[in-house]
Amino acid sequence: MLKSRFSMLIATAILGSCMIAGAARAQDGMGPPPGMMGGPPPVPPPLMMALRAANLTDAQKTQVHNILNSSRTSTASQMDQMHSIREQIADKLLSPGTVSASDLTALLAQQSALQQQLDTQMVSTTIQIRGVLTADQLSKVAAAHEKLKQIHSQIDAILGPPDAPPAP
């Protein structure tokens, strides 16, 4: 029981640290933290964390900011659709009466198609941001990414993988 509470405390501290880092990035002109606009981030969060290691110039920050804004604008309609589909799924699952998997098949297919579109846009946005970086900056970002992966491995070694059942 104590170990489980300690694990939750550590996880909360890590999550808080990530949110603080996201807030710092927002103040640094890199936009809001991932997911803060009601949907998934326009680029993978590990890239945004590692991007800080690139030491972008002011011109590059502006370019990245414009790329992110453009991506958010172009996916806004899809995000609204995704939100609507998820609400419809929740309404079906939480309504009185019986519900079967077949009742949700069409909604799940729509959700999958939208998710694929959003994933494709995320890759496109990431490639655009990558194009802003110099070779030296790409090396710094890659090194930061490797360090972040090592940190995640260390966290998993201490707490167990995220999908592991809680300790008794």
Protein backbone atom coordinates (compact mmCIF):
# COMPACT_ATOMS: atom_id res chain seq x y z
CA MET A 1 0.00 0.00 0.00
CA LEU A 2 2.79 2.40 0.93
CA LYS A 3 4.73 1.48 -2.21
CA SER A 4 1.64 2.16 -4.33
CA ARG A 5 1.17 5.59 -2.73
CA PHE A 6 4.85 6.35 -3.16
CA SER A 7 4.61 5.39 -6.85
CA MET A 8 1.63 7.71 -7.28
CA LEU A 9 3.52 10.52 -5.55
CA ILE A 10 6.51 10.03 -7.86
CA ALA A 11 4.28 9.88 -10.94
CA THR A 12 2.53 13.08 -9.85
CA ALA A 13 5.86 14.82 -9.31
CA ILE A 14 7.06 13.74 -12.76
CA LEU A 15 3.82 14.89 -14.39
CA GLY A 16 4.08 18.21 -12.57
CA SER A 17 7.65 18.64 -13.76
CA CYS A 18 6.57 17.99 -17.34
CA MET A 19 3.77 20.54 -17.02
CA ILE A 20 6.15 23.12 -15.59
CA ALA A 21 8.53 22.47 -18.47
CA GLY A 22 5.62 22.94 -20.86
CA ALA A 23 4.65 26.20 -19.21
CA ALA A 24 8.24 27.39 -19.43
CA ARG A 25 8.27 26.51 -23.12
CA ALA A 26 5.05 28.50 -23.57
CA GLN A 27 6.69 31.51 -21.94
CA ASP A 28 9.72 30.97 -24.18
CA GLY A 29 7.56 31.66 -27.23
CA MET A 30 7.14 28.03 -28.30
CA GLY A 31 3.37 27.97 -27.81
CA PRO A 32 1.19 26.29 -25.22
CA PRO A 33 2.12 22.97 -23.68
CA PRO A 34 1.08 19.95 -25.76
CA GLY A 35 -2.57 19.10 -25.51
CA MET A 36 -3.55 22.33 -23.77
CA MET A 37 -5.72 23.41 -26.71
CA GLY A 38 -8.18 20.55 -26.30
CA GLY A 39 -6.50 17.94 -28.43
CA PRO A 40 -3.30 16.13 -29.15
CA PRO A 41 -0.18 18.17 -29.69
CA PRO A 42 0.64 19.09 -33.32
CA VAL A 43 4.01 17.34 -32.94
CA PRO A 44 5.15 14.47 -30.70
CA PRO A 45 5.85 15.75 -27.16
CA PRO A 46 9.35 14.22 -27.11
CA LEU A 47 10.27 16.43 -30.08
CA MET A 48 9.03 19.55 -28.33
CA MET A 49 11.06 18.69 -25.22
CA ALA A 50 14.18 17.86 -27.23
CA LEU A 51 13.72 20.96 -29.40
CA ARG A 52 14.69 23.11 -26.43
CA ALA A 53 18.21 21.69 -26.75
CA ALA A 54 18.51 23.19 -30.25
CA ASN A 55 18.82 26.75 -28.90
CA LEU A 56 16.69 28.18 -31.69
CA THR A 57 17.36 31.67 -32.95
CA ASP A 58 14.56 34.20 -32.69
CA ALA A 59 13.87 33.78 -36.40
CA GLN A 60 13.66 30.00 -35.99
CA LYS A 61 11.34 30.39 -32.99
CA THR A 62 9.07 32.52 -35.15
CA GLN A 63 9.14 29.93 -37.94
CA VAL A 64 8.35 27.08 -35.54
CA HIS A 65 5.57 29.13 -33.92
CA ASN A 66 4.05 29.82 -37.36
CA ILE A 67 4.28 26.14 -38.35
CA LEU A 68 2.55 25.08 -35.12
CA ASN A 69 -0.18 27.70 -35.50
CA SER A 70 -0.79 26.65 -39.09
CA SER A 71 -1.02 23.02 -38.04
CA ARG A 72 -3.47 23.80 -35.25
CA THR A 73 -5.61 25.85 -37.62
CA SER A 74 -5.67 23.14 -40.28
CA THR A 75 -6.66 20.42 -37.80
CA ALA A 76 -9.23 22.43 -35.81
CA SER A 77 -12.18 21.01 -37.75
CA GLN A 78 -10.88 17.46 -37.37
CA MET A 79 -10.40 17.99 -33.64
CA ASP A 80 -13.99 19.22 -33.36
CA GLN A 81 -15.17 16.11 -35.21
CA MET A 82 -13.06 13.89 -32.94
CA HIS A 83 -14.54 15.54 -29.85
CA SER A 84 -18.05 15.02 -31.22
CA ILE A 85 -17.40 11.34 -31.99
CA ARG A 86 -15.97 10.74 -28.52
CA GLU A 87 -19.01 12.38 -26.94
CA GLN A 88 -21.31 10.21 -29.07
CA ILE A 89 -19.42 7.10 -27.96
CA ALA A 90 -19.65 8.18 -24.31
CA ASP A 91 -23.37 8.92 -24.70
CA LYS A 92 -23.99 5.44 -26.10
CA LEU A 93 -21.88 3.70 -23.46
CA LEU A 94 -23.38 5.64 -20.56
CA SER A 95 -27.01 5.56 -21.64
CA PRO A 96 -29.58 3.18 -20.16
CA GLY A 97 -30.23 -0.07 -21.95
CA THR A 98 -27.98 -2.54 -23.66
CA VAL A 99 -25.03 -1.63 -25.81
CA SER A 100 -23.05 -3.94 -28.04
CA ALA A 101 -19.80 -3.48 -29.90
CA SER A 102 -21.72 -3.31 -33.17
CA ASP A 103 -23.54 -0.22 -31.87
CA LEU A 104 -20.20 1.57 -31.84
CA THR A 105 -18.61 0.18 -35.01
CA ALA A 106 -19.42 3.15 -37.27
CA LEU A 107 -18.27 5.70 -34.69
CA LEU A 108 -15.06 3.80 -34.03
CA ALA A 109 -14.34 3.64 -37.76
CA GLN A 110 -14.84 7.42 -38.03
CA GLN A 111 -12.61 7.95 -35.02
CA SER A 112 -9.87 5.75 -36.52
CA ALA A 113 -10.01 7.58 -39.85
CA LEU A 114 -9.76 10.96 -38.14
CA GLN A 115 -6.91 9.75 -35.95
CA GLN A 116 -5.02 8.64 -39.05
CA GLN A 117 -5.49 12.09 -40.61
CA LEU A 118 -4.29 13.78 -37.41
CA ASP A 119 -1.27 11.48 -37.21
CA THR A 120 -0.38 12.26 -40.83
CA GLN A 121 -0.64 15.99 -40.10
CA MET A 122 1.56 15.56 -37.02
CA VAL A 123 4.26 13.89 -39.12
CA SER A 124 4.02 16.65 -41.73
CA THR A 125 4.30 19.36 -39.07
CA THR A 126 7.26 17.61 -37.47
CA ILE A 127 9.06 17.36 -40.82
CA GLN A 128 8.46 21.08 -41.41
CA ILE A 129 9.92 21.94 -37.99
CA ARG A 130 12.85 19.63 -38.63
CA GLY A 131 13.50 21.56 -41.85
CA VAL A 132 14.02 24.75 -39.85
CA LEU A 133 16.95 23.24 -37.91
CA THR A 134 20.61 23.27 -38.88
CA ALA A 135 22.66 20.05 -38.90
CA ASP A 136 24.26 21.06 -35.59
CA GLN A 137 20.86 21.70 -34.03
CA LEU A 138 19.58 18.34 -35.28
CA SER A 139 22.54 16.67 -33.56
CA LYS A 140 21.71 18.47 -30.31
CA VAL A 141 18.05 17.50 -30.57
CA ALA A 142 18.98 13.85 -31.24
CA ALA A 143 21.31 13.83 -28.22
CA ALA A 144 18.60 15.35 -26.00
CA HIS A 145 16.11 12.78 -27.28
CA GLU A 146 18.48 9.93 -26.37
CA LYS A 147 18.95 11.37 -22.88
CA LEU A 148 15.18 11.65 -22.43
CA LYS A 149 14.76 8.01 -23.50
CA GLN A 150 17.38 7.01 -20.91
CA ILE A 151 15.53 8.95 -18.22
CA HIS A 152 12.26 7.21 -19.14
CA SER A 153 14.04 3.87 -18.95
CA GLN A 154 15.33 4.75 -15.50
CA ILE A 155 11.83 5.74 -14.37
CA ASP A 156 10.47 2.45 -15.70
CA ALA A 157 13.23 0.59 -13.85
CA ILE A 158 12.24 2.28 -10.60
CA LEU A 159 8.45 2.30 -10.93
CA GLY A 160 7.88 -0.41 -13.51
CA PRO A 161 6.50 0.19 -16.99
CA PRO A 162 3.42 2.43 -17.25
CA ASP A 163 1.17 -0.51 -18.12
CA ALA A 164 2.37 -2.72 -15.25
CA PRO A 165 -0.23 -3.65 -12.65
CA PRO A 166 0.17 -1.88 -9.32
CA ALA A 167 2.26 -3.63 -6.70
CA PRO A 168 0.25 -5.41 -3.98
